[in-house]
PDB file of N, CA and C in Angstrom:
ATOM      1  N   MET A   1      14.785  13.936   0.858  1.00  0.00           N
ATOM      2  CA  MET A   1      14.243  12.651   0.481  1.00  0.00           C
ATOM      3  C   MET A   1      12.909  12.870  -0.220  1.00  0.00           C
ATOM      4  N   SER A   2      12.721  12.220  -1.333  1.00  0.00           N
ATOM      5  CA  SER A   2      11.476  12.400  -2.069  1.00  0.00           C
ATOM      6  C   SER A   2      10.363  11.560  -1.448  1.00  0.00           C
ATOM      7  N   LEU A   3       9.150  11.994  -1.685  1.00  0.00           N
ATOM      8  CA  LEU A   3       8.006  11.241  -1.172  1.00  0.00           C
ATOM      9  C   LEU A   3       7.886   9.928  -1.918  1.00  0.00           C
ATOM     10  N   LEU A   4       7.536   8.890  -1.203  1.00  0.00           N
ATOM     11  CA  LEU A   4       7.307   7.605  -1.840  1.00  0.00           C
ATOM     12  C   LEU A   4       5.991   7.673  -2.586  1.00  0.00           C
ATOM     13  N   LYS A   5       5.934   7.029  -3.716  1.00  0.00           N
ATOM     14  CA  LYS A   5       4.705   7.030  -4.491  1.00  0.00           C
ATOM     15  C   LYS A   5       4.151   5.620  -4.558  1.00  0.00           C
ATOM     16  N   SER A   6       2.860   5.516  -4.486  1.00  0.00           N
ATOM     17  CA  SER A   6       2.193   4.241  -4.707  1.00  0.00           C
ATOM     18  C   SER A   6       0.905   4.534  -5.443  1.00  0.00           C
ATOM     19  N   ILE A   7       0.519   3.617  -6.291  1.00  0.00           N
ATOM     20  CA  ILE A   7      -0.703   3.814  -7.054  1.00  0.00           C
ATOM     21  C   ILE A   7      -1.525   2.538  -7.036  1.00  0.00           C
ATOM     22  N   PRO A   8      -2.850   2.671  -6.958  1.00  0.00           N
ATOM     23  CA  PRO A   8      -3.667   1.483  -7.145  1.00  0.00           C
ATOM     24  C   PRO A   8      -3.758   1.225  -8.644  1.00  0.00           C
ATOM     25  N   ARG A   9      -3.457   0.033  -9.065  1.00  0.00           N
ATOM     26  CA  ARG A   9      -3.431  -0.280 -10.489  1.00  0.00           C
ATOM     27  C   ARG A   9      -4.479  -1.346 -10.773  1.00  0.00           C
ATOM     28  N   GLU A  10      -5.295  -1.098 -11.804  1.00  0.00           N
ATOM     29  CA  GLU A  10      -6.331  -2.063 -12.160  1.00  0.00           C
ATOM     30  C   GLU A  10      -5.692  -3.293 -12.794  1.00  0.00           C
ATOM     31  N   MET A  11      -6.187  -4.453 -12.395  1.00  0.00           N
ATOM     32  CA  MET A  11      -5.671  -5.712 -12.915  1.00  0.00           C
ATOM     33  C   MET A  11      -6.789  -6.447 -13.645  1.00  0.00           C
ATOM     34  N   GLU A  12      -6.398  -7.371 -14.518  1.00  0.00           N
ATOM     35  CA  GLU A  12      -7.405  -8.197 -15.172  1.00  0.00           C
ATOM     36  C   GLU A  12      -8.033  -9.128 -14.144  1.00  0.00           C
ATOM     37  N   SER A  13      -9.335  -9.244 -14.224  1.00  0.00           N
ATOM     38  CA  SER A  13     -10.038 -10.089 -13.268  1.00  0.00           C
ATOM     39  C   SER A  13     -11.303 -10.628 -13.918  1.00  0.00           C
ATOM     40  N   LYS A  14     -11.706 -11.818 -13.510  1.00  0.00           N
ATOM     41  CA  LYS A  14     -12.948 -12.391 -14.019  1.00  0.00           C
ATOM     42  C   LYS A  14     -14.138 -11.929 -13.187  1.00  0.00           C
ATOM     43  N   ALA A  15     -13.884 -11.222 -12.113  1.00  0.00           N
ATOM     44  CA  ALA A  15     -14.954 -10.715 -11.257  1.00  0.00           C
ATOM     45  C   ALA A  15     -15.694  -9.586 -11.967  1.00  0.00           C
ATOM     46  N   GLU A  16     -16.912  -9.326 -11.517  1.00  0.00           N
ATOM     47  CA  GLU A  16     -17.701  -8.254 -12.119  1.00  0.00           C
ATOM     48  C   GLU A  16     -17.118  -6.884 -11.809  1.00  0.00           C
ATOM     49  N   GLU A  17     -16.507  -6.747 -10.645  1.00  0.00           N
ATOM     50  CA  GLU A  17     -15.901  -5.484 -10.274  1.00  0.00           C
ATOM     51  C   GLU A  17     -14.411  -5.522 -10.603  1.00  0.00           C
ATOM     52  N   PRO A  18     -13.819  -4.377 -10.881  1.00  0.00           N
ATOM     53  CA  PRO A  18     -12.386  -4.369 -11.191  1.00  0.00           C
ATOM     54  C   PRO A  18     -11.552  -4.792  -9.985  1.00  0.00           C
ATOM     55  N   ALA A  19     -10.427  -5.403 -10.262  1.00  0.00           N
ATOM     56  CA  ALA A  19      -9.492  -5.797  -9.203  1.00  0.00           C
ATOM     57  C   ALA A  19      -8.335  -4.811  -9.206  1.00  0.00           C
ATOM     58  N   TYR A  20      -7.810  -4.501  -8.033  1.00  0.00           N
ATOM     59  CA  TYR A  20      -6.720  -3.544  -7.918  1.00  0.00           C
ATOM     60  C   TYR A  20      -5.596  -4.131  -7.080  1.00  0.00           C
ATOM     61  N   CYS A  21      -4.408  -3.635  -7.320  1.00  0.00           N
ATOM     62  CA  CYS A  21      -3.270  -3.967  -6.470  1.00  0.00           C
ATOM     63  C   CYS A  21      -2.519  -2.669  -6.204  1.00  0.00           C
ATOM     64  N   ILE A  22      -1.681  -2.659  -5.202  1.00  0.00           N
ATOM     65  CA  ILE A  22      -0.867  -1.489  -4.896  1.00  0.00           C
ATOM     66  C   ILE A  22       0.488  -1.683  -5.562  1.00  0.00           C
ATOM     67  N   GLU A  23       0.899  -0.695  -6.340  1.00  0.00           N
ATOM     68  CA  GLU A  23       2.208  -0.742  -6.990  1.00  0.00           C
ATOM     69  C   GLU A  23       3.059   0.366  -6.371  1.00  0.00           C
ATOM     70  N   TYR A  24       4.146  -0.010  -5.738  1.00  0.00           N
ATOM     71  CA  TYR A  24       5.017   0.962  -5.086  1.00  0.00           C
ATOM     72  C   TYR A  24       6.065   1.435  -6.086  1.00  0.00           C
ATOM     73  N   LEU A  25       6.175   2.746  -6.249  1.00  0.00           N
ATOM     74  CA  LEU A  25       7.107   3.326  -7.214  1.00  0.00           C
ATOM     75  C   LEU A  25       8.191   4.111  -6.492  1.00  0.00           C
ATOM     76  N   ASP A  26       9.351   4.206  -7.105  1.00  0.00           N
ATOM     77  CA  ASP A  26      10.454   5.030  -6.585  1.00  0.00           C
ATOM     78  C   ASP A  26      10.808   4.689  -5.144  1.00  0.00           C
ATOM     79  N   GLN A  27      10.914   3.424  -4.838  1.00  0.00           N
ATOM     80  CA  GLN A  27      11.230   3.009  -3.481  1.00  0.00           C
ATOM     81  C   GLN A  27      12.738   3.124  -3.240  1.00  0.00           C
ATOM     82  N   PRO A  28      13.138   3.807  -2.191  1.00  0.00           N
ATOM     83  CA  PRO A  28      14.571   3.946  -1.887  1.00  0.00           C
ATOM     84  C   PRO A  28      15.104   2.689  -1.198  1.00  0.00           C
ATOM     85  N   PHE A  29      16.383   2.680  -0.923  1.00  0.00           N
ATOM     86  CA  PHE A  29      16.951   1.592  -0.136  1.00  0.00           C
ATOM     87  C   PHE A  29      16.492   1.759   1.308  1.00  0.00           C
ATOM     88  N   TYR A  30      16.313   0.658   1.982  1.00  0.00           N
ATOM     89  CA  TYR A  30      15.818   0.684   3.350  1.00  0.00           C
ATOM     90  C   TYR A  30      16.896   0.208   4.306  1.00  0.00           C
ATOM     91  N   ARG A  31      16.773   0.627   5.559  1.00  0.00           N
ATOM     92  CA  ARG A  31      17.701   0.151   6.588  1.00  0.00           C
ATOM     93  C   ARG A  31      17.458  -1.317   6.877  1.00  0.00           C
ATOM     94  N   ASP A  32      16.186  -1.681   6.989  1.00  0.00           N
ATOM     95  CA  ASP A  32      15.822  -3.063   7.295  1.00  0.00           C
ATOM     96  C   ASP A  32      14.373  -3.299   6.878  1.00  0.00           C
ATOM     97  N   LEU A  33      13.891  -4.497   7.097  1.00  0.00           N
ATOM     98  CA  LEU A  33      12.538  -4.861   6.685  1.00  0.00           C
ATOM     99  C   LEU A  33      11.477  -4.039   7.412  1.00  0.00           C
ATOM    100  N   LYS A  34      11.685  -3.772   8.703  1.00  0.00           N
ATOM    101  CA  LYS A  34      10.723  -2.962   9.459  1.00  0.00           C
ATOM    102  C   LYS A  34      10.621  -1.558   8.875  1.00  0.00           C
ATOM    103  N   ASP A  35      11.749  -1.002   8.460  1.00  0.00           N
ATOM    104  CA  ASP A  35      11.760   0.326   7.849  1.00  0.00           C
ATOM    105  C   ASP A  35      10.970   0.317   6.540  1.00  0.00           C
ATOM    106  N   MET A  36      11.160  -0.715   5.735  1.00  0.00           N
ATOM    107  CA  MET A  36      10.463  -0.822   4.460  1.00  0.00           C
ATOM    108  C   MET A  36       8.948  -0.903   4.669  1.00  0.00           C
ATOM    109  N   VAL A  37       8.520  -1.748   5.584  1.00  0.00           N
ATOM    110  CA  VAL A  37       7.091  -1.912   5.843  1.00  0.00           C
ATOM    111  C   VAL A  37       6.503  -0.611   6.388  1.00  0.00           C
ATOM    112  N   GLY A  38       7.218   0.061   7.265  1.00  0.00           N
ATOM    113  CA  GLY A  38       6.753   1.341   7.802  1.00  0.00           C
ATOM    114  C   GLY A  38       6.579   2.391   6.721  1.00  0.00           C
ATOM    115  N   LYS A  39       7.510   2.452   5.786  1.00  0.00           N
ATOM    116  CA  LYS A  39       7.414   3.421   4.682  1.00  0.00           C
ATOM    117  C   LYS A  39       6.238   3.082   3.763  1.00  0.00           C
ATOM    118  N   GLN A  40       6.009   1.803   3.532  1.00  0.00           N
ATOM    119  CA  GLN A  40       4.886   1.413   2.683  1.00  0.00           C
ATOM    120  C   GLN A  40       3.554   1.717   3.360  1.00  0.00           C
ATOM    121  N   ILE A  41       3.488   1.580   4.667  1.00  0.00           N
ATOM    122  CA  ILE A  41       2.271   1.943   5.406  1.00  0.00           C
ATOM    123  C   ILE A  41       1.991   3.435   5.245  1.00  0.00           C
ATOM    124  N   SER A  42       3.002   4.260   5.446  1.00  0.00           N
ATOM    125  CA  SER A  42       2.781   5.708   5.320  1.00  0.00           C
ATOM    126  C   SER A  42       2.446   6.086   3.882  1.00  0.00           C
ATOM    127  N   SER A  43       3.012   5.384   2.916  1.00  0.00           N
ATOM    128  CA  SER A  43       2.697   5.628   1.517  1.00  0.00           C
ATOM    129  C   SER A  43       1.228   5.309   1.233  1.00  0.00           C
ATOM    130  N   CYS A  44       0.742   4.200   1.753  1.00  0.00           N
ATOM    131  CA  CYS A  44      -0.670   3.822   1.578  1.00  0.00           C
ATOM    132  C   CYS A  44      -1.591   4.818   2.272  1.00  0.00           C
ATOM    133  N   GLU A  45      -1.216   5.262   3.451  1.00  0.00           N
ATOM    134  CA  GLU A  45      -2.050   6.217   4.184  1.00  0.00           C
ATOM    135  C   GLU A  45      -2.155   7.541   3.441  1.00  0.00           C
ATOM    136  N   ARG A  46      -1.062   7.994   2.829  1.00  0.00           N
ATOM    137  CA  ARG A  46      -1.113   9.224   2.028  1.00  0.00           C
ATOM    138  C   ARG A  46      -1.978   9.024   0.787  1.00  0.00           C
ATOM    139  N   LEU A  47      -1.856   7.862   0.176  1.00  0.00           N
ATOM    140  CA  LEU A  47      -2.652   7.560  -1.011  1.00  0.00           C
ATOM    141  C   LEU A  47      -4.140   7.533  -0.673  1.00  0.00           C
ATOM    142  N   LEU A  48      -4.478   7.034   0.477  1.00  0.00           N
ATOM    143  CA  LEU A  48      -5.873   6.921   0.904  1.00  0.00           C
ATOM    144  C   LEU A  48      -6.537   8.293   1.038  1.00  0.00           C
ATOM    145  N   ILE A  49      -5.782   9.294   1.415  1.00  0.00           N
ATOM    146  CA  ILE A  49      -6.329  10.643   1.606  1.00  0.00           C
ATOM    147  C   ILE A  49      -6.963  11.173   0.324  1.00  0.00           C
ATOM    148  N   ASN A  50      -6.325  10.932  -0.824  1.00  0.00           N
ATOM    149  CA  ASN A  50      -6.804  11.490  -2.091  1.00  0.00           C
ATOM    150  C   ASN A  50      -7.643  10.531  -2.921  1.00  0.00           C
ATOM    151  N   THR A  51      -7.900   9.345  -2.428  1.00  0.00           N
ATOM    152  CA  THR A  51      -8.643   8.350  -3.205  1.00  0.00           C
ATOM    153  C   THR A  51     -10.121   8.410  -2.851  1.00  0.00           C
ATOM    154  N   LYS A  52     -10.950   8.578  -3.862  1.00  0.00           N
ATOM    155  CA  LYS A  52     -12.400   8.682  -3.661  1.00  0.00           C
ATOM    156  C   LYS A  52     -13.121   7.382  -4.014  1.00  0.00           C
ATOM    157  N   ASP A  53     -12.628   6.647  -4.994  1.00  0.00           N
ATOM    158  CA  ASP A  53     -13.277   5.419  -5.457  1.00  0.00           C
ATOM    159  C   ASP A  53     -13.299   4.376  -4.341  1.00  0.00           C
ATOM    160  N   ILE A  54     -14.487   3.849  -4.045  1.00  0.00           N
ATOM    161  CA  ILE A  54     -14.652   2.932  -2.909  1.00  0.00           C
ATOM    162  C   ILE A  54     -13.860   1.642  -3.094  1.00  0.00           C
ATOM    163  N   TYR A  55     -13.783   1.122  -4.314  1.00  0.00           N
ATOM    164  CA  TYR A  55     -13.038  -0.115  -4.547  1.00  0.00           C
ATOM    165  C   TYR A  55     -11.547   0.103  -4.313  1.00  0.00           C
ATOM    166  N   LYS A  56     -11.041   1.219  -4.803  1.00  0.00           N
ATOM    167  CA  LYS A  56      -9.625   1.532  -4.590  1.00  0.00           C
ATOM    168  C   LYS A  56      -9.341   1.758  -3.107  1.00  0.00           C
ATOM    169  N   ARG A  57     -10.261   2.443  -2.430  1.00  0.00           N
ATOM    170  CA  ARG A  57     -10.078   2.683  -0.990  1.00  0.00           C
ATOM    171  C   ARG A  57     -10.025   1.365  -0.220  1.00  0.00           C
ATOM    172  N   ASN A  58     -10.884   0.421  -0.590  1.00  0.00           N
ATOM    173  CA  ASN A  58     -10.890  -0.878   0.079  1.00  0.00           C
ATOM    174  C   ASN A  58      -9.565  -1.608  -0.103  1.00  0.00           C
ATOM    175  N   VAL A  59      -9.016  -1.550  -1.307  1.00  0.00           N
ATOM    176  CA  VAL A  59      -7.723  -2.194  -1.573  1.00  0.00           C
ATOM    177  C   VAL A  59      -6.632  -1.554  -0.728  1.00  0.00           C
ATOM    178  N   ILE A  60      -6.629  -0.228  -0.682  1.00  0.00           N
ATOM    179  CA  ILE A  60      -5.599   0.490   0.075  1.00  0.00           C
ATOM    180  C   ILE A  60      -5.736   0.197   1.565  1.00  0.00           C
ATOM    181  N   GLN A  61      -6.964   0.199   2.069  1.00  0.00           N
ATOM    182  CA  GLN A  61      -7.177  -0.090   3.490  1.00  0.00           C
ATOM    183  C   GLN A  61      -6.768  -1.516   3.837  1.00  0.00           C
ATOM    184  N   ARG A  62      -7.073  -2.461   2.957  1.00  0.00           N
ATOM    185  CA  ARG A  62      -6.688  -3.856   3.202  1.00  0.00           C
ATOM    186  C   ARG A  62      -5.163  -4.000   3.188  1.00  0.00           C
ATOM    187  N   GLU A  63      -4.515  -3.357   2.225  1.00  0.00           N
ATOM    188  CA  GLU A  63      -3.048  -3.396   2.152  1.00  0.00           C
ATOM    189  C   GLU A  63      -2.429  -2.791   3.410  1.00  0.00           C
ATOM    190  N   THR A  64      -2.985  -1.674   3.871  1.00  0.00           N
ATOM    191  CA  THR A  64      -2.478  -1.022   5.073  1.00  0.00           C
ATOM    192  C   THR A  64      -2.626  -1.931   6.287  1.00  0.00           C
ATOM    193  N   LEU A  65      -3.771  -2.582   6.405  1.00  0.00           N
ATOM    194  CA  LEU A  65      -3.997  -3.500   7.521  1.00  0.00           C
ATOM    195  C   LEU A  65      -2.998  -4.661   7.492  1.00  0.00           C
ATOM    196  N   ILE A  66      -2.794  -5.241   6.327  1.00  0.00           N
ATOM    197  CA  ILE A  66      -1.837  -6.351   6.199  1.00  0.00           C
ATOM    198  C   ILE A  66      -0.437  -5.894   6.577  1.00  0.00           C
ATOM    199  N   LEU A  67      -0.042  -4.723   6.091  1.00  0.00           N
ATOM    200  CA  LEU A  67       1.294  -4.207   6.406  1.00  0.00           C
ATOM    201  C   LEU A  67       1.451  -3.940   7.900  1.00  0.00           C
ATOM    202  N   LYS A  68       0.402  -3.429   8.538  1.00  0.00           N
ATOM    203  CA  LYS A  68       0.471  -3.182   9.986  1.00  0.00           C
ATOM    204  C   LYS A  68       0.604  -4.489  10.757  1.00  0.00           C
ATOM    205  N   LEU A  69      -0.082  -5.529  10.295  1.00  0.00           N
ATOM    206  CA  LEU A  69       0.050  -6.840  10.938  1.00  0.00           C
ATOM    207  C   LEU A  69       1.459  -7.400  10.756  1.00  0.00           C
ATOM    208  N   VAL A  70       2.014  -7.238   9.570  1.00  0.00           N
ATOM    209  CA  VAL A  70       3.393  -7.686   9.315  1.00  0.00           C
ATOM    210  C   VAL A  70       4.356  -6.931  10.216  1.00  0.00           C
ATOM    211  N   LEU A  71       4.174  -5.623  10.325  1.00  0.00           N
ATOM    212  CA  LEU A  71       5.040  -4.817  11.181  1.00  0.00           C
ATOM    213  C   LEU A  71       4.943  -5.270  12.636  1.00  0.00           C
ATOM    214  N   GLU A  72       3.733  -5.572  13.079  1.00  0.00           N
ATOM    215  CA  GLU A  72       3.546  -6.056  14.447  1.00  0.00           C
ATOM    216  C   GLU A  72       4.274  -7.386  14.660  1.00  0.00           C
ATOM    217  N   LEU A  73       4.207  -8.273  13.689  1.00  0.00           N
ATOM    218  CA  LEU A  73       4.913  -9.554  13.795  1.00  0.00           C
ATOM    219  C   LEU A  73       6.429  -9.370  13.806  1.00  0.00           C
ATOM    220  N   LEU A  74       6.912  -8.398  13.060  1.00  0.00           N
ATOM    221  CA  LEU A  74       8.354  -8.144  13.010  1.00  0.00           C
ATOM    222  C   LEU A  74       8.891  -7.608  14.332  1.00  0.00           C
ATOM    223  N   GLU A  75       8.021  -7.039  15.147  1.00  0.00           N
ATOM    224  CA  GLU A  75       8.462  -6.476  16.419  1.00  0.00           C
ATOM    225  C   GLU A  75       8.644  -7.526  17.504  1.00  0.00           C
ATOM    226  N   TYR A  76       8.225  -8.764  17.239  1.00  0.00           N
ATOM    227  CA  TYR A  76       8.415  -9.835  18.232  1.00  0.00           C
ATOM    228  C   TYR A  76       9.819 -10.357  18.205  1.00  0.00           C
TER     229      TYR A  76
END
């Protein structure tokens, strides 16, 4: 199985600082929604290891937190 890839991508924004979003690439088929969210969490965590830019790190950390909350809700 290949590693999942995700990249922070700069978006147009009227803010003074650049805006970023997480773009998930090469996503395989998933067993279920919990599996998909779990894979995206691990993808973000791997991306965070190599990211130095503070703005990009904040986006990745926020995305990871949101995904963990979604995963927690799915377990109910």
